[in-house]
Amino acid sequence: MNYLMRILSLLRFEFHQRRIRHYQRQGRRLMQDSGELVSQQLLALNRRIDHHGRIMRQLEHELEVA
């Protein structure tokens, strides 16, 4: 992997990591405000976190291989 591709992969990794943190904070706030442990909004946030987590794992693997 050349230098430019590595930098772009690191930036994408950071972006997805920040999105996960954002959704986690949003979920904690939602749970505190509503008092519910399960809701449609929390499930939607969980799916978003899973999506970004999968992308992060792929990027991490690409960076380890290179």
N, C-alpha and C. Protein backbone atom coordinates (compact mmCIF):
# COMPACT_ATOMS: atom_id res chain seq x y z
N MET A 1 0.86 -1.17 0.00
CA MET A 1 0.00 0.00 0.00
C MET A 1 0.91 1.23 0.00
N ASN A 2 0.65 2.13 -0.93
CA ASN A 2 1.49 3.32 -0.98
C ASN A 2 1.09 4.31 0.11
N TYR A 3 1.89 5.33 0.24
CA TYR A 3 1.74 6.30 1.32
C TYR A 3 0.37 6.98 1.30
N LEU A 4 -0.06 7.43 0.13
CA LEU A 4 -1.33 8.14 0.01
C LEU A 4 -2.51 7.25 0.39
N MET A 5 -2.50 6.02 -0.07
CA MET A 5 -3.59 5.10 0.26
C MET A 5 -3.61 4.80 1.75
N ARG A 6 -2.44 4.69 2.35
CA ARG A 6 -2.37 4.44 3.80
C ARG A 6 -2.96 5.61 4.58
N ILE A 7 -2.62 6.83 4.18
CA ILE A 7 -3.15 8.03 4.84
C ILE A 7 -4.68 8.07 4.68
N LEU A 8 -5.17 7.80 3.49
CA LEU A 8 -6.62 7.80 3.27
C LEU A 8 -7.31 6.73 4.11
N SER A 9 -6.71 5.58 4.22
CA SER A 9 -7.29 4.52 5.05
C SER A 9 -7.31 4.92 6.52
N LEU A 10 -6.25 5.56 6.98
CA LEU A 10 -6.22 6.03 8.37
C LEU A 10 -7.28 7.10 8.62
N LEU A 11 -7.48 7.98 7.65
CA LEU A 11 -8.52 9.00 7.79
C LEU A 11 -9.91 8.38 7.81
N ARG A 12 -10.14 7.40 6.95
CA ARG A 12 -11.44 6.71 6.94
C ARG A 12 -11.66 5.99 8.25
N PHE A 13 -10.61 5.36 8.79
CA PHE A 13 -10.70 4.66 10.07
C PHE A 13 -11.10 5.64 11.17
N GLU A 14 -10.45 6.78 11.21
CA GLU A 14 -10.75 7.80 12.21
C GLU A 14 -12.19 8.31 12.08
N PHE A 15 -12.63 8.52 10.84
CA PHE A 15 -14.01 8.97 10.61
C PHE A 15 -15.01 7.98 11.19
N HIS A 16 -14.84 6.70 10.90
CA HIS A 16 -15.79 5.69 11.37
C HIS A 16 -15.71 5.54 12.90
N GLN A 17 -14.52 5.69 13.45
CA GLN A 17 -14.37 5.62 14.90
C GLN A 17 -15.13 6.77 15.58
N ARG A 18 -15.03 7.95 15.00
CA ARG A 18 -15.76 9.10 15.54
C ARG A 18 -17.26 8.93 15.42
N ARG A 19 -17.73 8.34 14.31
CA ARG A 19 -19.17 8.11 14.14
C ARG A 19 -19.67 7.14 15.22
N ILE A 20 -18.89 6.11 15.49
CA ILE A 20 -19.28 5.14 16.53
C ILE A 20 -19.39 5.84 17.88
N ARG A 21 -18.40 6.64 18.22
CA ARG A 21 -18.45 7.37 19.49
C ARG A 21 -19.66 8.30 19.56
N HIS A 22 -19.96 8.97 18.45
CA HIS A 22 -21.12 9.86 18.39
C HIS A 22 -22.41 9.08 18.65
N TYR A 23 -22.57 7.96 17.97
CA TYR A 23 -23.78 7.15 18.15
C TYR A 23 -23.86 6.56 19.56
N GLN A 24 -22.73 6.23 20.14
CA GLN A 24 -22.74 5.72 21.52
C GLN A 24 -23.21 6.80 22.49
N ARG A 25 -22.70 8.01 22.32
CA ARG A 25 -23.14 9.13 23.18
C ARG A 25 -24.63 9.39 22.99
N GLN A 26 -25.06 9.36 21.74
CA GLN A 26 -26.47 9.57 21.44
C GLN A 26 -27.33 8.50 22.10
N GLY A 27 -26.88 7.26 22.08
CA GLY A 27 -27.61 6.16 22.70
C GLY A 27 -27.67 6.30 24.21
N ARG A 28 -26.55 6.69 24.83
CA ARG A 28 -26.54 6.90 26.28
C ARG A 28 -27.51 8.00 26.68
N ARG A 29 -27.51 9.10 25.91
CA ARG A 29 -28.43 10.20 26.19
C ARG A 29 -29.87 9.75 26.05
N LEU A 30 -30.14 8.98 25.02
CA LEU A 30 -31.49 8.48 24.78
C LEU A 30 -31.95 7.57 25.91
N MET A 31 -31.06 6.71 26.39
CA MET A 31 -31.41 5.82 27.50
C MET A 31 -31.64 6.60 28.78
N GLN A 32 -30.83 7.62 29.03
CA GLN A 32 -31.01 8.43 30.24
C GLN A 32 -32.31 9.22 30.19
N ASP A 33 -32.61 9.77 29.03
CA ASP A 33 -33.82 10.59 28.91
C ASP A 33 -35.09 9.76 28.97
N SER A 34 -35.10 8.61 28.31
CA SER A 34 -36.33 7.81 28.23
C SER A 34 -36.41 6.77 29.35
N GLY A 35 -35.27 6.34 29.85
CA GLY A 35 -35.26 5.30 30.88
C GLY A 35 -35.47 3.91 30.31
N GLU A 36 -35.65 3.79 29.02
CA GLU A 36 -35.85 2.49 28.38
C GLU A 36 -34.51 1.91 27.96
N LEU A 37 -34.42 0.59 28.06
CA LEU A 37 -33.19 -0.08 27.62
C LEU A 37 -33.31 -0.58 26.18
N VAL A 38 -34.53 -0.67 25.68
CA VAL A 38 -34.75 -1.12 24.30
C VAL A 38 -35.81 -0.23 23.67
N SER A 39 -35.50 0.28 22.48
CA SER A 39 -36.46 1.06 21.71
C SER A 39 -36.06 0.97 20.25
N GLN A 40 -36.93 1.41 19.38
CA GLN A 40 -36.62 1.39 17.95
C GLN A 40 -35.44 2.30 17.63
N GLN A 41 -35.36 3.42 18.33
CA GLN A 41 -34.25 4.35 18.09
C GLN A 41 -32.92 3.73 18.53
N LEU A 42 -32.92 3.04 19.66
CA LEU A 42 -31.69 2.40 20.13
C LEU A 42 -31.27 1.27 19.20
N LEU A 43 -32.24 0.53 18.69
CA LEU A 43 -31.91 -0.53 17.74
C LEU A 43 -31.33 0.05 16.45
N ALA A 44 -31.87 1.18 16.00
CA ALA A 44 -31.34 1.82 14.80
C ALA A 44 -29.90 2.30 15.05
N LEU A 45 -29.65 2.87 16.22
CA LEU A 45 -28.29 3.30 16.56
C LEU A 45 -27.34 2.10 16.60
N ASN A 46 -27.82 0.99 17.15
CA ASN A 46 -27.00 -0.21 17.22
C ASN A 46 -26.63 -0.70 15.82
N ARG A 47 -27.57 -0.66 14.90
CA ARG A 47 -27.27 -1.07 13.52
C ARG A 47 -26.23 -0.15 12.88
N ARG A 48 -26.34 1.15 13.16
CA ARG A 48 -25.36 2.10 12.62
C ARG A 48 -23.97 1.83 13.19
N ILE A 49 -23.92 1.57 14.49
CA ILE A 49 -22.64 1.27 15.13
C ILE A 49 -22.04 0.00 14.55
N ASP A 50 -22.86 -1.03 14.35
CA ASP A 50 -22.38 -2.28 13.76
C ASP A 50 -21.83 -2.04 12.36
N HIS A 51 -22.53 -1.24 11.58
CA HIS A 51 -22.10 -0.95 10.21
C HIS A 51 -20.72 -0.29 10.21
N HIS A 52 -20.55 0.73 11.02
CA HIS A 52 -19.26 1.43 11.08
C HIS A 52 -18.18 0.53 11.68
N GLY A 53 -18.55 -0.32 12.61
CA GLY A 53 -17.59 -1.26 13.19
C GLY A 53 -17.06 -2.25 12.17
N ARG A 54 -17.96 -2.74 11.31
CA ARG A 54 -17.51 -3.67 10.25
C ARG A 54 -16.53 -2.98 9.31
N ILE A 55 -16.84 -1.76 8.94
CA ILE A 55 -15.94 -1.02 8.05
C ILE A 55 -14.60 -0.80 8.72
N MET A 56 -14.62 -0.47 10.01
CA MET A 56 -13.36 -0.28 10.73
C MET A 56 -12.53 -1.56 10.76
N ARG A 57 -13.18 -2.71 10.97
CA ARG A 57 -12.44 -3.97 10.99
C ARG A 57 -11.80 -4.24 9.63
N GLN A 58 -12.52 -3.95 8.55
CA GLN A 58 -11.96 -4.14 7.21
C GLN A 58 -10.75 -3.23 7.00
N LEU A 59 -10.89 -1.97 7.39
CA LEU A 59 -9.77 -1.03 7.24
C LEU A 59 -8.59 -1.45 8.09
N GLU A 60 -8.85 -1.91 9.30
CA GLU A 60 -7.78 -2.38 10.18
C GLU A 60 -7.05 -3.55 9.56
N HIS A 61 -7.79 -4.46 8.96
CA HIS A 61 -7.17 -5.61 8.30
C HIS A 61 -6.32 -5.14 7.12
N GLU A 62 -6.84 -4.21 6.33
CA GLU A 62 -6.07 -3.68 5.20
C GLU A 62 -4.76 -3.04 5.67
N LEU A 63 -4.84 -2.30 6.77
CA LEU A 63 -3.64 -1.63 7.28
C LEU A 63 -2.63 -2.62 7.84
N GLU A 64 -3.10 -3.71 8.44
CA GLU A 64 -2.18 -4.72 8.98
C GLU A 64 -1.49 -5.48 7.87
N VAL A 65 -2.21 -5.76 6.79
CA VAL A 65 -1.66 -6.53 5.68
C VAL A 65 -0.61 -5.70 4.94
N ALA A 66 -0.85 -4.41 4.83
CA ALA A 66 0.04 -3.55 4.04
C ALA A 66 1.34 -3.27 4.74
